[in-house]
PDB file of all heavy atoms in Angstrom:
ATOM      1  N   ASN A   1      -7.916  -5.728   1.862  1.00  0.00           N
ATOM      2  CA  ASN A   1      -7.937  -6.146   0.457  1.00  0.00           C
ATOM      3  C   ASN A   1      -6.743  -5.628  -0.342  1.00  0.00           C
ATOM      4  O   ASN A   1      -6.656  -5.874  -1.551  1.00  0.00           O
ATOM      5  CB  ASN A   1      -9.222  -5.658  -0.221  1.00  0.00           C
ATOM      6  CG  ASN A   1     -10.460  -6.211   0.436  1.00  0.00           C
ATOM      7  OD1 ASN A   1     -10.447  -7.319   0.964  1.00  0.00           O
ATOM      8  ND2 ASN A   1     -11.546  -5.441   0.411  1.00  0.00           N
ATOM      9  N   LEU A   2      -5.828  -4.943   0.314  1.00  0.00           N
ATOM     10  CA  LEU A   2      -4.762  -4.270  -0.416  1.00  0.00           C
ATOM     11  C   LEU A   2      -3.854  -5.247  -1.165  1.00  0.00           C
ATOM     12  O   LEU A   2      -3.517  -5.024  -2.332  1.00  0.00           O
ATOM     13  CB  LEU A   2      -3.931  -3.405   0.534  1.00  0.00           C
ATOM     14  CG  LEU A   2      -2.833  -2.565  -0.116  1.00  0.00           C
ATOM     15  CD1 LEU A   2      -3.426  -1.587  -1.119  1.00  0.00           C
ATOM     16  CD2 LEU A   2      -2.031  -1.818   0.944  1.00  0.00           C
ATOM     17  N   LEU A   3      -3.465  -6.322  -0.522  1.00  0.00           N
ATOM     18  CA  LEU A   3      -2.547  -7.260  -1.170  1.00  0.00           C
ATOM     19  C   LEU A   3      -3.159  -7.891  -2.410  1.00  0.00           C
ATOM     20  O   LEU A   3      -2.495  -8.038  -3.441  1.00  0.00           O
ATOM     21  CB  LEU A   3      -2.101  -8.346  -0.187  1.00  0.00           C
ATOM     22  CG  LEU A   3      -1.043  -7.931   0.841  1.00  0.00           C
ATOM     23  CD1 LEU A   3      -0.713  -9.089   1.764  1.00  0.00           C
ATOM     24  CD2 LEU A   3       0.220  -7.436   0.143  1.00  0.00           C
ATOM     25  N   SER A   4      -4.427  -8.260  -2.343  1.00  0.00           N
ATOM     26  CA  SER A   4      -5.071  -8.848  -3.513  1.00  0.00           C
ATOM     27  C   SER A   4      -5.224  -7.818  -4.625  1.00  0.00           C
ATOM     28  O   SER A   4      -5.043  -8.123  -5.809  1.00  0.00           O
ATOM     29  CB  SER A   4      -6.425  -9.444  -3.146  1.00  0.00           C
ATOM     30  OG  SER A   4      -7.291  -8.449  -2.621  1.00  0.00           O
ATOM     31  N   LEU A   5      -5.533  -6.569  -4.252  1.00  0.00           N
ATOM     32  CA  LEU A   5      -5.661  -5.511  -5.245  1.00  0.00           C
ATOM     33  C   LEU A   5      -4.333  -5.221  -5.931  1.00  0.00           C
ATOM     34  O   LEU A   5      -4.294  -4.884  -7.120  1.00  0.00           O
ATOM     35  CB  LEU A   5      -6.188  -4.245  -4.577  1.00  0.00           C
ATOM     36  CG  LEU A   5      -6.385  -3.011  -5.469  1.00  0.00           C
ATOM     37  CD1 LEU A   5      -7.478  -3.280  -6.505  1.00  0.00           C
ATOM     38  CD2 LEU A   5      -6.727  -1.789  -4.634  1.00  0.00           C
ATOM     39  N   SER A   6      -3.244  -5.399  -5.213  1.00  0.00           N
ATOM     40  CA  SER A   6      -1.927  -5.047  -5.727  1.00  0.00           C
ATOM     41  C   SER A   6      -1.356  -6.067  -6.705  1.00  0.00           C
ATOM     42  O   SER A   6      -0.271  -5.851  -7.253  1.00  0.00           O
ATOM     43  CB  SER A   6      -0.938  -4.866  -4.566  1.00  0.00           C
ATOM     44  OG  SER A   6      -0.694  -6.118  -3.925  1.00  0.00           O
ATOM     45  N   SER A   7      -2.064  -7.153  -6.936  1.00  0.00           N
ATOM     46  CA  SER A   7      -1.519  -8.221  -7.781  1.00  0.00           C
ATOM     47  C   SER A   7      -1.214  -7.752  -9.201  1.00  0.00           C
ATOM     48  O   SER A   7      -0.336  -8.303  -9.864  1.00  0.00           O
ATOM     49  CB  SER A   7      -2.492  -9.401  -7.830  1.00  0.00           C
ATOM     50  OG  SER A   7      -3.750  -9.001  -8.368  1.00  0.00           O
ATOM     51  N   GLY A   8      -1.890  -6.711  -9.664  1.00  0.00           N
ATOM     52  CA  GLY A   8      -1.646  -6.225 -11.019  1.00  0.00           C
ATOM     53  C   GLY A   8      -0.685  -5.054 -11.090  1.00  0.00           C
ATOM     54  O   GLY A   8      -0.458  -4.523 -12.183  1.00  0.00           O
ATOM     55  N   TRP A   9      -0.124  -4.647  -9.975  1.00  0.00           N
ATOM     56  CA  TRP A   9       0.780  -3.502  -9.964  1.00  0.00           C
ATOM     57  C   TRP A   9       2.212  -3.925 -10.251  1.00  0.00           C
ATOM     58  O   TRP A   9       2.618  -5.049  -9.937  1.00  0.00           O
ATOM     59  CB  TRP A   9       0.718  -2.794  -8.615  1.00  0.00           C
ATOM     60  CG  TRP A   9      -0.635  -2.260  -8.262  1.00  0.00           C
ATOM     61  CD1 TRP A   9      -1.697  -2.065  -9.107  1.00  0.00           C
ATOM     62  CD2 TRP A   9      -1.073  -1.853  -6.960  1.00  0.00           C
ATOM     63  NE1 TRP A   9      -2.767  -1.568  -8.418  1.00  0.00           N
ATOM     64  CE2 TRP A   9      -2.423  -1.416  -7.088  1.00  0.00           C
ATOM     65  CE3 TRP A   9      -0.481  -1.804  -5.708  1.00  0.00           C
ATOM     66  CZ2 TRP A   9      -3.163  -0.960  -6.010  1.00  0.00           C
ATOM     67  CZ3 TRP A   9      -1.214  -1.339  -4.625  1.00  0.00           C
ATOM     68  CH2 TRP A   9      -2.548  -0.911  -4.789  1.00  0.00           C
ATOM     69  N   GLN A  10       2.988  -3.028 -10.807  1.00  0.00           N
ATOM     70  CA  GLN A  10       4.394  -3.310 -11.076  1.00  0.00           C
ATOM     71  C   GLN A  10       5.192  -3.306  -9.774  1.00  0.00           C
ATOM     72  O   GLN A  10       5.028  -2.418  -8.939  1.00  0.00           O
ATOM     73  CB  GLN A  10       4.971  -2.269 -12.030  1.00  0.00           C
ATOM     74  CG  GLN A  10       4.387  -2.310 -13.431  1.00  0.00           C
ATOM     75  CD  GLN A  10       5.031  -1.280 -14.346  1.00  0.00           C
ATOM     76  OE1 GLN A  10       5.671  -0.346 -13.887  1.00  0.00           O
ATOM     77  NE2 GLN A  10       4.866  -1.470 -15.639  1.00  0.00           N
ATOM     78  N   LYS A  11       6.075  -4.279  -9.652  1.00  0.00           N
ATOM     79  CA  LYS A  11       6.865  -4.400  -8.423  1.00  0.00           C
ATOM     80  C   LYS A  11       7.833  -3.233  -8.226  1.00  0.00           C
ATOM     81  O   LYS A  11       8.196  -2.909  -7.101  1.00  0.00           O
ATOM     82  CB  LYS A  11       7.653  -5.713  -8.437  1.00  0.00           C
ATOM     83  CG  LYS A  11       6.793  -6.964  -8.360  1.00  0.00           C
ATOM     84  CD  LYS A  11       6.178  -7.142  -6.989  1.00  0.00           C
ATOM     85  CE  LYS A  11       5.448  -8.482  -6.870  1.00  0.00           C
ATOM     86  NZ  LYS A  11       4.878  -8.702  -5.532  1.00  0.00           N
ATOM     87  N   ASP A  12       8.273  -2.623  -9.334  1.00  0.00           N
ATOM     88  CA  ASP A  12       9.218  -1.511  -9.211  1.00  0.00           C
ATOM     89  C   ASP A  12       8.561  -0.163  -9.474  1.00  0.00           C
ATOM     90  O   ASP A  12       9.242   0.843  -9.643  1.00  0.00           O
ATOM     91  CB  ASP A  12      10.410  -1.700 -10.147  1.00  0.00           C
ATOM     92  CG  ASP A  12      10.004  -1.728 -11.619  1.00  0.00           C
ATOM     93  OD1 ASP A  12       8.789  -1.806 -11.900  1.00  0.00           O
ATOM     94  OD2 ASP A  12      10.896  -1.671 -12.480  1.00  0.00           O
ATOM     95  N   GLY A  13       7.226  -0.136  -9.502  1.00  0.00           N
ATOM     96  CA  GLY A  13       6.510   1.126  -9.699  1.00  0.00           C
ATOM     97  C   GLY A  13       6.263   1.838  -8.381  1.00  0.00           C
ATOM     98  O   GLY A  13       6.251   1.217  -7.311  1.00  0.00           O
ATOM     99  N   LEU A  14       6.081   3.132  -8.449  1.00  0.00           N
ATOM    100  CA  LEU A  14       5.842   3.926  -7.254  1.00  0.00           C
ATOM    101  C   LEU A  14       4.419   3.724  -6.751  1.00  0.00           C
ATOM    102  O   LEU A  14       3.456   3.842  -7.512  1.00  0.00           O
ATOM    103  CB  LEU A  14       6.084   5.406  -7.563  1.00  0.00           C
ATOM    104  CG  LEU A  14       5.732   6.402  -6.455  1.00  0.00           C
ATOM    105  CD1 LEU A  14       6.548   6.134  -5.196  1.00  0.00           C
ATOM    106  CD2 LEU A  14       5.954   7.833  -6.941  1.00  0.00           C
ATOM    107  N   ILE A  15       4.312   3.433  -5.448  1.00  0.00           N
ATOM    108  CA  ILE A  15       3.016   3.277  -4.783  1.00  0.00           C
ATOM    109  C   ILE A  15       3.004   4.203  -3.567  1.00  0.00           C
ATOM    110  O   ILE A  15       3.915   4.146  -2.731  1.00  0.00           O
ATOM    111  CB  ILE A  15       2.783   1.825  -4.327  1.00  0.00           C
ATOM    112  CG1 ILE A  15       2.850   0.871  -5.524  1.00  0.00           C
ATOM    113  CG2 ILE A  15       1.445   1.692  -3.616  1.00  0.00           C
ATOM    114  CD1 ILE A  15       2.904  -0.594  -5.119  1.00  0.00           C
ATOM    115  N   VAL A  16       2.000   5.045  -3.468  1.00  0.00           N
ATOM    116  CA  VAL A  16       1.869   5.951  -2.327  1.00  0.00           C
ATOM    117  C   VAL A  16       0.541   5.666  -1.634  1.00  0.00           C
ATOM    118  O   VAL A  16      -0.521   5.699  -2.264  1.00  0.00           O
ATOM    119  CB  VAL A  16       1.935   7.428  -2.759  1.00  0.00           C
ATOM    120  CG1 VAL A  16       1.754   8.338  -1.544  1.00  0.00           C
ATOM    121  CG2 VAL A  16       3.253   7.733  -3.465  1.00  0.00           C
ATOM    122  N   LEU A  17       0.603   5.371  -0.341  1.00  0.00           N
ATOM    123  CA  LEU A  17      -0.573   5.066   0.461  1.00  0.00           C
ATOM    124  C   LEU A  17      -0.858   6.231   1.421  1.00  0.00           C
ATOM    125  O   LEU A  17       0.072   6.864   1.936  1.00  0.00           O
ATOM    126  CB  LEU A  17      -0.353   3.799   1.289  1.00  0.00           C
ATOM    127  CG  LEU A  17       0.174   2.556   0.553  1.00  0.00           C
ATOM    128  CD1 LEU A  17       0.388   1.424   1.550  1.00  0.00           C
ATOM    129  CD2 LEU A  17      -0.769   2.123  -0.548  1.00  0.00           C
ATOM    130  N   PHE A  18      -2.144   6.480   1.676  1.00  0.00           N
ATOM    131  CA  PHE A  18      -2.467   7.472   2.696  1.00  0.00           C
ATOM    132  C   PHE A  18      -3.708   7.047   3.475  1.00  0.00           C
ATOM    133  O   PHE A  18      -4.526   6.242   3.003  1.00  0.00           O
ATOM    134  CB  PHE A  18      -2.633   8.878   2.102  1.00  0.00           C
ATOM    135  CG  PHE A  18      -3.771   9.050   1.133  1.00  0.00           C
ATOM    136  CD1 PHE A  18      -5.012   9.522   1.558  1.00  0.00           C
ATOM    137  CD2 PHE A  18      -3.600   8.764  -0.215  1.00  0.00           C
ATOM    138  CE1 PHE A  18      -6.056   9.705   0.665  1.00  0.00           C
ATOM    139  CE2 PHE A  18      -4.641   8.950  -1.117  1.00  0.00           C
ATOM    140  CZ  PHE A  18      -5.873   9.415  -0.677  1.00  0.00           C
ATOM    141  N   ASP A  19      -3.821   7.577   4.678  1.00  0.00           N
ATOM    142  CA  ASP A  19      -4.870   7.177   5.612  1.00  0.00           C
ATOM    143  C   ASP A  19      -5.432   8.414   6.296  1.00  0.00           C
ATOM    144  O   ASP A  19      -5.334   9.520   5.778  1.00  0.00           O
ATOM    145  CB  ASP A  19      -4.306   6.173   6.629  1.00  0.00           C
ATOM    146  CG  ASP A  19      -3.032   6.696   7.305  1.00  0.00           C
ATOM    147  OD1 ASP A  19      -2.840   7.932   7.344  1.00  0.00           O
ATOM    148  OD2 ASP A  19      -2.226   5.885   7.784  1.00  0.00           O
ATOM    149  N   THR A  20      -6.018   8.218   7.462  1.00  0.00           N
ATOM    150  CA  THR A  20      -6.564   9.342   8.233  1.00  0.00           C
ATOM    151  C   THR A  20      -5.537   9.956   9.169  1.00  0.00           C
ATOM    152  O   THR A  20      -5.869  10.824   9.970  1.00  0.00           O
ATOM    153  CB  THR A  20      -7.766   8.869   9.069  1.00  0.00           C
ATOM    154  OG1 THR A  20      -7.323   7.837   9.982  1.00  0.00           O
ATOM    155  CG2 THR A  20      -8.874   8.339   8.183  1.00  0.00           C
ATOM    156  N   GLY A  21      -4.307   9.485   9.084  1.00  0.00           N
ATOM    157  CA  GLY A  21      -3.274   9.931   9.999  1.00  0.00           C
ATOM    158  C   GLY A  21      -3.078   8.988  11.157  1.00  0.00           C
ATOM    159  O   GLY A  21      -2.407   9.340  12.145  1.00  0.00           O
ATOM    160  N   ASP A  22      -3.617   7.760  11.037  1.00  0.00           N
ATOM    161  CA  ASP A  22      -3.565   6.791  12.137  1.00  0.00           C
ATOM    162  C   ASP A  22      -2.463   5.744  11.983  1.00  0.00           C
ATOM    163  O   ASP A  22      -2.466   4.733  12.689  1.00  0.00           O
ATOM    164  CB  ASP A  22      -4.915   6.085  12.269  1.00  0.00           C
ATOM    165  CG  ASP A  22      -5.303   5.342  10.996  1.00  0.00           C
ATOM    166  OD1 ASP A  22      -4.536   5.379  10.015  1.00  0.00           O
ATOM    167  OD2 ASP A  22      -6.391   4.735  10.977  1.00  0.00           O
ATOM    168  N   ALA A  23      -1.522   5.947  11.070  1.00  0.00           N
ATOM    169  CA  ALA A  23      -0.371   5.053  10.835  1.00  0.00           C
ATOM    170  C   ALA A  23      -0.724   3.780  10.089  1.00  0.00           C
ATOM    171  O   ALA A  23       0.126   2.910   9.906  1.00  0.00           O
ATOM    172  CB  ALA A  23       0.341   4.708  12.138  1.00  0.00           C
ATOM    173  N   GLU A  24      -1.968   3.630   9.641  1.00  0.00           N
ATOM    174  CA  GLU A  24      -2.343   2.445   8.873  1.00  0.00           C
ATOM    175  C   GLU A  24      -1.572   2.377   7.552  1.00  0.00           C
ATOM    176  O   GLU A  24      -1.165   1.296   7.112  1.00  0.00           O
ATOM    177  CB  GLU A  24      -3.845   2.442   8.591  1.00  0.00           C
ATOM    178  CG  GLU A  24      -4.352   1.203   7.863  1.00  0.00           C
ATOM    179  CD  GLU A  24      -4.150  -0.069   8.668  1.00  0.00           C
ATOM    180  OE1 GLU A  24      -4.360  -0.048   9.903  1.00  0.00           O
ATOM    181  OE2 GLU A  24      -3.778  -1.087   8.061  1.00  0.00           O
ATOM    182  N   ALA A  25      -1.360   3.512   6.927  1.00  0.00           N
ATOM    183  CA  ALA A  25      -0.645   3.532   5.651  1.00  0.00           C
ATOM    184  C   ALA A  25       0.786   3.035   5.812  1.00  0.00           C
ATOM    185  O   ALA A  25       1.292   2.296   4.958  1.00  0.00           O
ATOM    186  CB  ALA A  25      -0.652   4.938   5.065  1.00  0.00           C
ATOM    187  N   GLU A  26       1.439   3.396   6.889  1.00  0.00           N
ATOM    188  CA  GLU A  26       2.805   2.916   7.119  1.00  0.00           C
ATOM    189  C   GLU A  26       2.814   1.407   7.314  1.00  0.00           C
ATOM    190  O   GLU A  26       3.671   0.704   6.780  1.00  0.00           O
ATOM    191  CB  GLU A  26       3.424   3.615   8.330  1.00  0.00           C
ATOM    192  CG  GLU A  26       4.866   3.206   8.579  1.00  0.00           C
ATOM    193  CD  GLU A  26       5.496   3.934   9.742  1.00  0.00           C
ATOM    194  OE1 GLU A  26       4.788   4.732  10.412  1.00  0.00           O
ATOM    195  OE2 GLU A  26       6.688   3.723   9.990  1.00  0.00           O
ATOM    196  N   ARG A  27       1.853   0.893   8.084  1.00  0.00           N
ATOM    197  CA  ARG A  27       1.780  -0.559   8.297  1.00  0.00           C
ATOM    198  C   ARG A  27       1.546  -1.296   6.978  1.00  0.00           C
ATOM    199  O   ARG A  27       2.189  -2.320   6.702  1.00  0.00           O
ATOM    200  CB  ARG A  27       0.667  -0.884   9.296  1.00  0.00           C
ATOM    201  CG  ARG A  27       0.964  -0.468  10.730  1.00  0.00           C
ATOM    202  CD  ARG A  27      -0.069  -1.048  11.690  1.00  0.00           C
ATOM    203  NE  ARG A  27      -1.375  -0.418  11.531  1.00  0.00           N
ATOM    204  CZ  ARG A  27      -1.758   0.668  12.202  1.00  0.00           C
ATOM    205  NH1 ARG A  27      -0.936   1.259  13.051  1.00  0.00           N
ATOM    206  NH2 ARG A  27      -2.974   1.175  12.026  1.00  0.00           N
ATOM    207  N   GLN A  28       0.647  -0.783   6.166  1.00  0.00           N
ATOM    208  CA  GLN A  28       0.355  -1.434   4.895  1.00  0.00           C
ATOM    209  C   GLN A  28       1.522  -1.297   3.912  1.00  0.00           C
ATOM    210  O   GLN A  28       1.760  -2.192   3.092  1.00  0.00           O
ATOM    211  CB  GLN A  28      -0.919  -0.851   4.290  1.00  0.00           C
ATOM    212  CG  GLN A  28      -2.181  -1.152   5.091  1.00  0.00           C
ATOM    213  CD  GLN A  28      -2.396  -2.652   5.279  1.00  0.00           C
ATOM    214  OE1 GLN A  28      -2.192  -3.451   4.370  1.00  0.00           O
ATOM    215  NE2 GLN A  28      -2.814  -3.032   6.479  1.00  0.00           N
ATOM    216  N   ALA A  29       2.252  -0.192   3.998  1.00  0.00           N
ATOM    217  CA  ALA A  29       3.428  -0.019   3.157  1.00  0.00           C
ATOM    218  C   ALA A  29       4.478  -1.078   3.464  1.00  0.00           C
ATOM    219  O   ALA A  29       5.109  -1.636   2.563  1.00  0.00           O
ATOM    220  CB  ALA A  29       4.008   1.385   3.353  1.00  0.00           C
ATOM    221  N   GLU A  30       4.633  -1.393   4.740  1.00  0.00           N
ATOM    222  CA  GLU A  30       5.578  -2.441   5.119  1.00  0.00           C
ATOM    223  C   GLU A  30       5.124  -3.806   4.605  1.00  0.00           C
ATOM    224  O   GLU A  30       5.939  -4.626   4.168  1.00  0.00           O
ATOM    225  CB  GLU A  30       5.750  -2.455   6.628  1.00  0.00           C
ATOM    226  CG  GLU A  30       6.504  -1.236   7.169  1.00  0.00           C
ATOM    227  CD  GLU A  30       6.624  -1.255   8.685  1.00  0.00           C
ATOM    228  OE1 GLU A  30       6.071  -2.173   9.315  1.00  0.00           O
ATOM    229  OE2 GLU A  30       7.266  -0.339   9.216  1.00  0.00           O
ATOM    230  N   GLN A  31       3.820  -4.040   4.606  1.00  0.00           N
ATOM    231  CA  GLN A  31       3.299  -5.303   4.065  1.00  0.00           C
ATOM    232  C   GLN A  31       3.603  -5.409   2.567  1.00  0.00           C
ATOM    233  O   GLN A  31       3.983  -6.483   2.077  1.00  0.00           O
ATOM    234  CB  GLN A  31       1.783  -5.379   4.301  1.00  0.00           C
ATOM    235  CG  GLN A  31       1.361  -5.514   5.750  1.00  0.00           C
ATOM    236  CD  GLN A  31       1.760  -6.858   6.365  1.00  0.00           C
ATOM    237  OE1 GLN A  31       1.925  -7.850   5.666  1.00  0.00           O
ATOM    238  NE2 GLN A  31       1.916  -6.869   7.678  1.00  0.00           N
TER     239      GLN A  31
END
């Protein structure tokens, strides 16, 4: 649901993602 949730975020604003340490945050950051 991350992409749909992000629709209201600023494109040039700072976004920091975190996970359980399983690299999901890095994958979603690339998306």
